[in-house]
C-alpha atoms as a PDB file:
ATOM      1  CA  UNK A   1      70.622  54.402  70.082  1.00  0.00           C
ATOM      2  CA  UNK A   2      70.998  57.431  72.342  1.00  0.00           C
ATOM      3  CA  UNK A   3      67.720  56.562  74.041  1.00  0.00           C
ATOM      4  CA  UNK A   4      69.217  53.262  75.301  1.00  0.00           C
ATOM      5  CA  UNK A   5      71.682  55.258  77.425  1.00  0.00           C
ATOM      6  CA  UNK A   6      69.084  57.751  78.593  1.00  0.00           C
ATOM      7  CA  UNK A   7      67.991  58.183  82.194  1.00  0.00           C
ATOM      8  CA  UNK A   8      64.497  56.793  81.509  1.00  0.00           C
ATOM      9  CA  UNK A   9      65.774  53.650  79.756  1.00  0.00           C
ATOM     10  CA  UNK A  10      68.404  52.842  82.402  1.00  0.00           C
ATOM     11  CA  UNK A  11      65.786  53.321  85.137  1.00  0.00           C
ATOM     12  CA  UNK A  12      63.398  51.018  83.272  1.00  0.00           C
ATOM     13  CA  UNK A  13      66.186  48.477  82.773  1.00  0.00           C
ATOM     14  CA  UNK A  14      66.919  48.469  86.505  1.00  0.00           C
ATOM     15  CA  UNK A  15      63.232  48.028  87.296  1.00  0.00           C
ATOM     16  CA  UNK A  16      63.070  45.159  84.770  1.00  0.00           C
ATOM     17  CA  UNK A  17      65.801  43.240  86.590  1.00  0.00           C
ATOM     18  CA  UNK A  18      64.152  43.581  90.003  1.00  0.00           C
ATOM     19  CA  UNK A  19      60.695  42.820  88.579  1.00  0.00           C
ATOM     20  CA  UNK A  20      62.076  39.671  86.966  1.00  0.00           C
ATOM     21  CA  UNK A  21      63.717  38.517  90.198  1.00  0.00           C
ATOM     22  CA  UNK A  22      60.554  39.040  92.260  1.00  0.00           C
ATOM     23  CA  UNK A  23      58.159  37.522  89.720  1.00  0.00           C
ATOM     24  CA  UNK A  24      60.499  34.615  88.965  1.00  0.00           C
ATOM     25  CA  UNK A  25      60.665  33.477  92.601  1.00  0.00           C
ATOM     26  CA  UNK A  26      57.000  34.161  93.359  1.00  0.00           C
ATOM     27  CA  UNK A  27      56.096  32.268  90.196  1.00  0.00           C
ATOM     28  CA  UNK A  28      57.842  29.116  91.417  1.00  0.00           C
ATOM     29  CA  UNK A  29      55.782  29.178  94.621  1.00  0.00           C
ATOM     30  CA  UNK A  30      52.555  29.679  92.671  1.00  0.00           C
ATOM     31  CA  UNK A  31      53.530  26.914  90.234  1.00  0.00           C
ATOM     32  CA  UNK A  32      54.462  24.365  92.911  1.00  0.00           C
ATOM     33  CA  UNK A  33      51.424  25.173  95.060  1.00  0.00           C
ATOM     34  CA  UNK A  34      49.321  24.616  91.928  1.00  0.00           C
ATOM     35  CA  UNK A  35      47.392  27.859  92.375  1.00  0.00           C
ATOM     36  CA  UNK A  36      48.057  29.689  89.085  1.00  0.00           C
ATOM     37  CA  UNK A  37      44.707  31.474  89.407  1.00  0.00           C
ATOM     38  CA  UNK A  38      46.148  33.429  92.349  1.00  0.00           C
ATOM     39  CA  UNK A  39      48.135  35.466  89.829  1.00  0.00           C
ATOM     40  CA  UNK A  40      44.993  36.332  87.890  1.00  0.00           C
ATOM     41  CA  UNK A  41      43.067  37.236  91.044  1.00  0.00           C
ATOM     42  CA  UNK A  42      45.882  39.382  92.468  1.00  0.00           C
ATOM     43  CA  UNK A  43      46.443  41.089  89.129  1.00  0.00           C
ATOM     44  CA  UNK A  44      42.817  42.162  88.932  1.00  0.00           C
ATOM     45  CA  UNK A  45      42.807  43.077  92.613  1.00  0.00           C
ATOM     46  CA  UNK A  46      45.815  45.319  92.005  1.00  0.00           C
ATOM     47  CA  UNK A  47      44.018  46.853  89.030  1.00  0.00           C
ATOM     48  CA  UNK A  48      40.907  47.459  91.150  1.00  0.00           C
ATOM     49  CA  UNK A  49      43.076  48.972  93.906  1.00  0.00           C
ATOM     50  CA  UNK A  50      44.748  51.264  91.386  1.00  0.00           C
ATOM     51  CA  UNK A  51      41.335  52.399  90.076  1.00  0.00           C
ATOM     52  CA  UNK A  52      40.145  53.109  93.630  1.00  0.00           C
ATOM     53  CA  UNK A  53      43.350  55.049  94.269  1.00  0.00           C
ATOM     54  CA  UNK A  54      42.729  57.251  91.230  1.00  0.00           C
ATOM     55  CA  UNK A  55      39.089  57.740  92.250  1.00  0.00           C
ATOM     56  CA  UNK A  56      39.942  58.815  95.811  1.00  0.00           C
ATOM     57  CA  UNK A  57      43.117  60.734  94.888  1.00  0.00           C
ATOM     58  CA  UNK A  58      45.583  58.223  96.387  1.00  0.00           C
ATOM     59  CA  UNK A  59      48.786  56.897  94.827  1.00  0.00           C
ATOM     60  CA  UNK A  60      47.440  53.966  92.746  1.00  0.00           C
ATOM     61  CA  UNK A  61      50.471  51.767  93.473  1.00  0.00           C
ATOM     62  CA  UNK A  62      50.007  52.016  97.249  1.00  0.00           C
ATOM     63  CA  UNK A  63      46.220  51.621  97.071  1.00  0.00           C
ATOM     64  CA  UNK A  64      46.754  48.546  94.877  1.00  0.00           C
ATOM     65  CA  UNK A  65      49.254  47.167  97.392  1.00  0.00           C
ATOM     66  CA  UNK A  66      46.885  47.757 100.320  1.00  0.00           C
ATOM     67  CA  UNK A  67      43.929  46.057  98.626  1.00  0.00           C
ATOM     68  CA  UNK A  68      46.074  43.133  97.421  1.00  0.00           C
ATOM     69  CA  UNK A  69      47.521  42.590 100.894  1.00  0.00           C
ATOM     70  CA  UNK A  70      44.070  42.556 102.511  1.00  0.00           C
ATOM     71  CA  UNK A  71      42.769  40.208  99.795  1.00  0.00           C
ATOM     72  CA  UNK A  72      45.682  37.806 100.291  1.00  0.00           C
ATOM     73  CA  UNK A  73      44.783  37.539 103.978  1.00  0.00           C
ATOM     74  CA  UNK A  74      41.155  36.763 103.065  1.00  0.00           C
ATOM     75  CA  UNK A  75      41.834  33.988 100.528  1.00  0.00           C
ATOM     76  CA  UNK A  76      43.314  31.494 102.997  1.00  0.00           C
ATOM     77  CA  UNK A  77      40.650  31.705 105.746  1.00  0.00           C
ATOM     78  CA  UNK A  78      37.817  31.697 103.195  1.00  0.00           C
ATOM     79  CA  UNK A  79      39.235  28.552 101.594  1.00  0.00           C
ATOM     80  CA  UNK A  80      39.720  26.840 104.958  1.00  0.00           C
ATOM     81  CA  UNK A  81      36.432  27.823 106.647  1.00  0.00           C
ATOM     82  CA  UNK A  82      34.348  27.152 103.557  1.00  0.00           C
ATOM     83  CA  UNK A  83      36.153  23.941 102.617  1.00  0.00           C
ATOM     84  CA  UNK A  84      37.039  25.502  99.267  1.00  0.00           C
ATOM     85  CA  UNK A  85      40.155  25.075  97.200  1.00  0.00           C
ATOM     86  CA  UNK A  86      42.425  28.140  96.999  1.00  0.00           C
ATOM     87  CA  UNK A  87      41.700  28.330  93.259  1.00  0.00           C
ATOM     88  CA  UNK A  88      37.932  28.544  93.880  1.00  0.00           C
ATOM     89  CA  UNK A  89      38.262  31.216  96.570  1.00  0.00           C
ATOM     90  CA  UNK A  90      40.575  33.260  94.318  1.00  0.00           C
ATOM     91  CA  UNK A  91      38.068  32.838  91.493  1.00  0.00           C
ATOM     92  CA  UNK A  92      35.363  34.431  93.646  1.00  0.00           C
ATOM     93  CA  UNK A  93      37.777  37.225  94.592  1.00  0.00           C
ATOM     94  CA  UNK A  94      38.721  37.720  90.932  1.00  0.00           C
ATOM     95  CA  UNK A  95      35.075  38.162  89.882  1.00  0.00           C
ATOM     96  CA  UNK A  96      34.346  40.619  92.699  1.00  0.00           C
ATOM     97  CA  UNK A  97      37.458  42.741  92.075  1.00  0.00           C
ATOM     98  CA  UNK A  98      36.840  42.862  88.341  1.00  0.00           C
ATOM     99  CA  UNK A  99      33.365  44.203  89.030  1.00  0.00           C
ATOM    100  CA  UNK A 100      34.735  46.835  91.448  1.00  0.00           C
ATOM    101  CA  UNK A 101      37.390  47.884  88.908  1.00  0.00           C
ATOM    102  CA  UNK A 102      34.966  48.511  86.054  1.00  0.00           C
ATOM    103  CA  UNK A 103      32.336  50.044  88.342  1.00  0.00           C
ATOM    104  CA  UNK A 104      34.686  52.813  89.510  1.00  0.00           C
ATOM    105  CA  UNK A 105      36.429  53.060  86.144  1.00  0.00           C
ATOM    106  CA  UNK A 106      33.164  54.290  84.672  1.00  0.00           C
ATOM    107  CA  UNK A 107      33.138  57.150  87.218  1.00  0.00           C
ATOM    108  CA  UNK A 108      36.704  58.387  86.719  1.00  0.00           C
ATOM    109  CA  UNK A 109      35.879  60.822  83.920  1.00  0.00           C
ATOM    110  CA  UNK A 110      39.080  62.517  82.648  1.00  0.00           C
ATOM    111  CA  UNK A 111      41.254  60.084  84.644  1.00  0.00           C
ATOM    112  CA  UNK A 112      40.106  57.137  82.509  1.00  0.00           C
ATOM    113  CA  UNK A 113      43.223  57.339  80.321  1.00  0.00           C
ATOM    114  CA  UNK A 114      45.398  57.043  83.424  1.00  0.00           C
ATOM    115  CA  UNK A 115      43.384  54.007  84.483  1.00  0.00           C
ATOM    116  CA  UNK A 116      44.027  52.381  81.108  1.00  0.00           C
ATOM    117  CA  UNK A 117      47.766  52.824  81.663  1.00  0.00           C
ATOM    118  CA  UNK A 118      47.387  50.734  84.840  1.00  0.00           C
ATOM    119  CA  UNK A 119      45.700  48.059  82.768  1.00  0.00           C
ATOM    120  CA  UNK A 120      48.563  47.654  80.283  1.00  0.00           C
ATOM    121  CA  UNK A 121      51.492  49.168  82.178  1.00  0.00           C
ATOM    122  CA  UNK A 122      54.486  51.177  80.969  1.00  0.00           C
ATOM    123  CA  UNK A 123      57.774  50.535  82.705  1.00  0.00           C
ATOM    124  CA  UNK A 124      59.267  53.687  81.166  1.00  0.00           C
ATOM    125  CA  UNK A 125      57.031  55.828  83.385  1.00  0.00           C
ATOM    126  CA  UNK A 126      58.093  54.195  86.656  1.00  0.00           C
ATOM    127  CA  UNK A 127      59.464  56.670  89.197  1.00  0.00           C
ATOM    128  CA  UNK A 128      62.694  56.430  91.188  1.00  0.00           C
ATOM    129  CA  UNK A 129      60.692  55.861  94.390  1.00  0.00           C
ATOM    130  CA  UNK A 130      58.733  52.999  92.799  1.00  0.00           C
ATOM    131  CA  UNK A 131      61.961  51.484  91.445  1.00  0.00           C
ATOM    132  CA  UNK A 132      63.428  51.665  94.953  1.00  0.00           C
ATOM    133  CA  UNK A 133      60.380  49.896  96.440  1.00  0.00           C
ATOM    134  CA  UNK A 134      60.576  47.285  93.699  1.00  0.00           C
ATOM    135  CA  UNK A 135      64.227  46.650  94.618  1.00  0.00           C
ATOM    136  CA  UNK A 136      63.323  46.340  98.307  1.00  0.00           C
ATOM    137  CA  UNK A 137      60.574  43.827  97.549  1.00  0.00           C
ATOM    138  CA  UNK A 138      62.898  41.742  95.357  1.00  0.00           C
ATOM    139  CA  UNK A 139      65.620  41.716  98.029  1.00  0.00           C
ATOM    140  CA  UNK A 140      63.110  40.849 100.759  1.00  0.00           C
ATOM    141  CA  UNK A 141      61.745  37.933  98.704  1.00  0.00           C
ATOM    142  CA  UNK A 142      65.277  36.572  98.175  1.00  0.00           C
ATOM    143  CA  UNK A 143      66.043  36.873 101.906  1.00  0.00           C
ATOM    144  CA  UNK A 144      62.707  35.241 102.829  1.00  0.00           C
ATOM    145  CA  UNK A 145      63.496  32.362 100.466  1.00  0.00           C
ATOM    146  CA  UNK A 146      66.874  31.686 102.075  1.00  0.00           C
ATOM    147  CA  UNK A 147      65.632  32.047 105.669  1.00  0.00           C
ATOM    148  CA  UNK A 148      62.476  29.909 105.314  1.00  0.00           C
ATOM    149  CA  UNK A 149      63.576  27.618 102.484  1.00  0.00           C
ATOM    150  CA  UNK A 150      62.966  24.337 104.367  1.00  0.00           C
ATOM    151  CA  UNK A 151      59.600  25.536 105.663  1.00  0.00           C
ATOM    152  CA  UNK A 152      58.571  26.683 102.187  1.00  0.00           C
ATOM    153  CA  UNK A 153      59.475  23.282 100.726  1.00  0.00           C
ATOM    154  CA  UNK A 154      57.424  21.541 103.438  1.00  0.00           C
ATOM    155  CA  UNK A 155      54.381  23.777 102.903  1.00  0.00           C
ATOM    156  CA  UNK A 156      54.582  23.387  99.124  1.00  0.00           C
ATOM    157  CA  UNK A 157      54.556  19.607  99.231  1.00  0.00           C
ATOM    158  CA  UNK A 158      52.323  18.896 102.234  1.00  0.00           C
ATOM    159  CA  UNK A 159      50.948  21.442 104.702  1.00  0.00           C
ATOM    160  CA  UNK A 160      49.627  18.747 107.052  1.00  0.00           C
ATOM    161  CA  UNK A 161      53.024  17.112 107.432  1.00  0.00           C
ATOM    162  CA  UNK A 162      54.634  20.545 107.840  1.00  0.00           C
ATOM    163  CA  UNK A 163      52.202  21.287 110.698  1.00  0.00           C
ATOM    164  CA  UNK A 164      52.902  17.898 112.306  1.00  0.00           C
ATOM    165  CA  UNK A 165      56.630  18.634 112.192  1.00  0.00           C
ATOM    166  CA  UNK A 166      56.147  21.901 114.075  1.00  0.00           C
ATOM    167  CA  UNK A 167      56.673  24.157 111.054  1.00  0.00           C
ATOM    168  CA  UNK A 168      54.538  27.347 111.157  1.00  0.00           C
ATOM    169  CA  UNK A 169      52.775  26.377 107.948  1.00  0.00           C
ATOM    170  CA  UNK A 170      50.008  28.988 108.163  1.00  0.00           C
ATOM    171  CA  UNK A 171      52.520  31.806 108.679  1.00  0.00           C
ATOM    172  CA  UNK A 172      54.582  30.633 105.711  1.00  0.00           C
ATOM    173  CA  UNK A 173      51.556  30.047 103.451  1.00  0.00           C
ATOM    174  CA  UNK A 174      50.019  33.446 104.230  1.00  0.00           C
ATOM    175  CA  UNK A 175      53.442  35.070 103.810  1.00  0.00           C
ATOM    176  CA  UNK A 176      53.720  33.537 100.345  1.00  0.00           C
ATOM    177  CA  UNK A 177      50.278  34.909  99.451  1.00  0.00           C
ATOM    178  CA  UNK A 178      51.152  38.360 100.819  1.00  0.00           C
ATOM    179  CA  UNK A 179      54.469  38.466  98.954  1.00  0.00           C
ATOM    180  CA  UNK A 180      52.623  37.495  95.790  1.00  0.00           C
ATOM    181  CA  UNK A 181      50.137  40.302  96.420  1.00  0.00           C
ATOM    182  CA  UNK A 182      52.842  42.908  97.037  1.00  0.00           C
ATOM    183  CA  UNK A 183      54.846  41.789  93.988  1.00  0.00           C
ATOM    184  CA  UNK A 184      51.818  42.028  91.719  1.00  0.00           C
ATOM    185  CA  UNK A 185      50.753  45.432  93.033  1.00  0.00           C
ATOM    186  CA  UNK A 186      54.234  46.987  92.876  1.00  0.00           C
ATOM    187  CA  UNK A 187      54.480  45.884  89.227  1.00  0.00           C
ATOM    188  CA  UNK A 188      51.145  47.379  88.190  1.00  0.00           C
ATOM    189  CA  UNK A 189      52.957  50.238  86.426  1.00  0.00           C
ATOM    190  CA  UNK A 190      55.646  48.060  84.864  1.00  0.00           C
ATOM    191  CA  UNK A 191      53.687  45.194  83.297  1.00  0.00           C
ATOM    192  CA  UNK A 192      50.098  46.280  83.927  1.00  0.00           C
ATOM    193  CA  UNK A 193      47.261  44.956  86.047  1.00  0.00           C
ATOM    194  CA  UNK A 194      45.931  42.628  83.335  1.00  0.00           C
ATOM    195  CA  UNK A 195      49.299  41.230  82.193  1.00  0.00           C
ATOM    196  CA  UNK A 196      51.374  40.796  85.355  1.00  0.00           C
ATOM    197  CA  UNK A 197      49.968  37.339  86.100  1.00  0.00           C
ATOM    198  CA  UNK A 198      51.591  36.129  82.866  1.00  0.00           C
ATOM    199  CA  UNK A 199      55.036  37.052  84.191  1.00  0.00           C
ATOM    200  CA  UNK A 200      54.288  35.058  87.346  1.00  0.00           C
ATOM    201  CA  UNK A 201      52.958  31.889  85.698  1.00  0.00           C
ATOM    202  CA  UNK A 202      54.928  31.574  82.422  1.00  0.00           C
ATOM    203  CA  UNK A 203      58.611  31.735  83.598  1.00  0.00           C
ATOM    204  CA  UNK A 204      58.289  28.888  86.158  1.00  0.00           C
ATOM    205  CA  UNK A 205      56.288  26.840  83.655  1.00  0.00           C
ATOM    206  CA  UNK A 206      59.081  27.331  81.114  1.00  0.00           C
ATOM    207  CA  UNK A 207      61.729  26.546  83.739  1.00  0.00           C
ATOM    208  CA  UNK A 208      59.906  23.314  84.628  1.00  0.00           C
ATOM    209  CA  UNK A 209      60.456  22.143  81.049  1.00  0.00           C
ATOM    210  CA  UNK A 210      64.208  22.433  81.591  1.00  0.00           C
ATOM    211  CA  UNK A 211      64.724  20.994  85.083  1.00  0.00           C
ATOM    212  CA  UNK A 212      63.054  19.193  87.963  1.00  0.00           C
ATOM    213  CA  UNK A 213      65.570  20.254  90.599  1.00  0.00           C
ATOM    214  CA  UNK A 214      64.111  22.950  92.858  1.00  0.00           C
ATOM    215  CA  UNK A 215      67.241  25.128  93.067  1.00  0.00           C
ATOM    216  CA  UNK A 216      67.563  25.143  89.263  1.00  0.00           C
ATOM    217  CA  UNK A 217      63.833  25.799  88.968  1.00  0.00           C
ATOM    218  CA  UNK A 218      64.264  29.017  90.967  1.00  0.00           C
ATOM    219  CA  UNK A 219      67.347  29.996  88.966  1.00  0.00           C
ATOM    220  CA  UNK A 220      65.858  29.323  85.515  1.00  0.00           C
ATOM    221  CA  UNK A 221      62.561  30.982  86.430  1.00  0.00           C
ATOM    222  CA  UNK A 222      64.333  34.164  87.536  1.00  0.00           C
ATOM    223  CA  UNK A 223      66.576  34.165  84.446  1.00  0.00           C
ATOM    224  CA  UNK A 224      63.605  33.703  82.116  1.00  0.00           C
ATOM    225  CA  UNK A 225      61.593  36.423  83.883  1.00  0.00           C
ATOM    226  CA  UNK A 226      64.516  38.904  83.823  1.00  0.00           C
ATOM    227  CA  UNK A 227      65.335  38.125  80.176  1.00  0.00           C
ATOM    228  CA  UNK A 228      61.654  38.516  79.244  1.00  0.00           C
ATOM    229  CA  UNK A 229      61.527  41.956  80.888  1.00  0.00           C
ATOM    230  CA  UNK A 230      64.784  43.191  79.337  1.00  0.00           C
ATOM    231  CA  UNK A 231      64.075  41.725  75.885  1.00  0.00           C
ATOM    232  CA  UNK A 232      60.522  43.104  76.006  1.00  0.00           C
ATOM    233  CA  UNK A 233      61.936  46.527  76.806  1.00  0.00           C
ATOM    234  CA  UNK A 234      64.207  46.462  73.749  1.00  0.00           C
ATOM    235  CA  UNK A 235      61.501  45.024  71.483  1.00  0.00           C
ATOM    236  CA  UNK A 236      59.140  47.754  72.644  1.00  0.00           C
ATOM    237  CA  UNK A 237      61.742  50.415  71.809  1.00  0.00           C
ATOM    238  CA  UNK A 238      62.732  48.956  68.412  1.00  0.00           C
ATOM    239  CA  UNK A 239      59.243  48.129  67.093  1.00  0.00           C
ATOM    240  CA  UNK A 240      57.291  50.825  68.981  1.00  0.00           C
ATOM    241  CA  UNK A 241      55.104  48.311  70.835  1.00  0.00           C
ATOM    242  CA  UNK A 242      53.520  48.449  74.328  1.00  0.00           C
ATOM    243  CA  UNK A 243      56.112  47.384  76.898  1.00  0.00           C
ATOM    244  CA  UNK A 244      53.877  45.096  78.981  1.00  0.00           C
ATOM    245  CA  UNK A 245      52.569  43.230  75.948  1.00  0.00           C
ATOM    246  CA  UNK A 246      56.112  42.852  74.576  1.00  0.00           C
ATOM    247  CA  UNK A 247      57.316  41.326  77.852  1.00  0.00           C
ATOM    248  CA  UNK A 248      54.471  38.803  77.917  1.00  0.00           C
ATOM    249  CA  UNK A 249      54.971  37.828  74.252  1.00  0.00           C
ATOM    250  CA  UNK A 250      58.703  37.266  74.816  1.00  0.00           C
ATOM    251  CA  UNK A 251      57.993  35.083  77.875  1.00  0.00           C
ATOM    252  CA  UNK A 252      55.515  32.984  75.850  1.00  0.00           C
ATOM    253  CA  UNK A 253      58.102  32.527  73.080  1.00  0.00           C
ATOM    254  CA  UNK A 254      60.668  31.380  75.671  1.00  0.00           C
ATOM    255  CA  UNK A 255      58.122  28.904  77.040  1.00  0.00           C
ATOM    256  CA  UNK A 256      57.477  27.587  73.517  1.00  0.00           C
ATOM    257  CA  UNK A 257      61.213  27.077  72.955  1.00  0.00           C
ATOM    258  CA  UNK A 258      61.644  25.315  76.309  1.00  0.00           C
ATOM    259  CA  UNK A 259      58.640  23.088  75.546  1.00  0.00           C
ATOM    260  CA  UNK A 260      60.099  22.158  72.141  1.00  0.00           C
ATOM    261  CA  UNK A 261      63.438  21.436  73.820  1.00  0.00           C
ATOM    262  CA  UNK A 262      61.798  19.062  76.309  1.00  0.00           C
ATOM    263  CA  UNK A 263      59.605  17.245  73.790  1.00  0.00           C
ATOM    264  CA  UNK A 264      61.985  17.034  70.814  1.00  0.00           C
ATOM    265  CA  UNK A 265      65.579  17.700  71.735  1.00  0.00           C
ATOM    266  CA  UNK A 266      65.639  15.735  74.977  1.00  0.00           C
END
């Protein structure tokens, strides 16, 4: 058990907590806005950004963040101008980014193995700088939630009414998309570009089986996301499994238990 008290494990444990907080809150917004496909699109955009970063010799985390941020600012206007639903516009983005990712992945040569690590993630390899940025993002999301809570609630339930009431609904909606993009991209090394959307969609879905009150929904979603990350870390260490896959499997098991609780116990 010496590894549990090692520098790498403690650093990964810290990153797990902040990743769970960020993904848990973002997940509630995605769940209530009914745009779960945004997680898939952003995950593959982050993966494509990471591949482009490796190809051009840039830090893959920051290239993923840049591409995700730009993409988040495109989704809204495309949906509005083209009279498309956000899910349809993100579906188009998802297809395009997936093509970009595999196009450049085939040209990486010896860096292909590093690209595969971005696909599945490994939280044990996260650096101190990346852990620090992850903490900043998590703190910023919490602060944003408290400052704009009423506006977020209004935008989630009806953007037209929010606009009529003088709430800056476009600013809040685009901010939610951007925070989702940044959260996904900063976690590309922890959970992986193809698995991170699971940590955004599953915890709030599990939390919704336990409560309908918004404040409890946030709390349970964060707890489930954090527990999934920490439990996945230990399962990965004990059974020698990939960390990202372990985290996703644990979150699915928690969802199954919460679903059984709602349907049978209650």
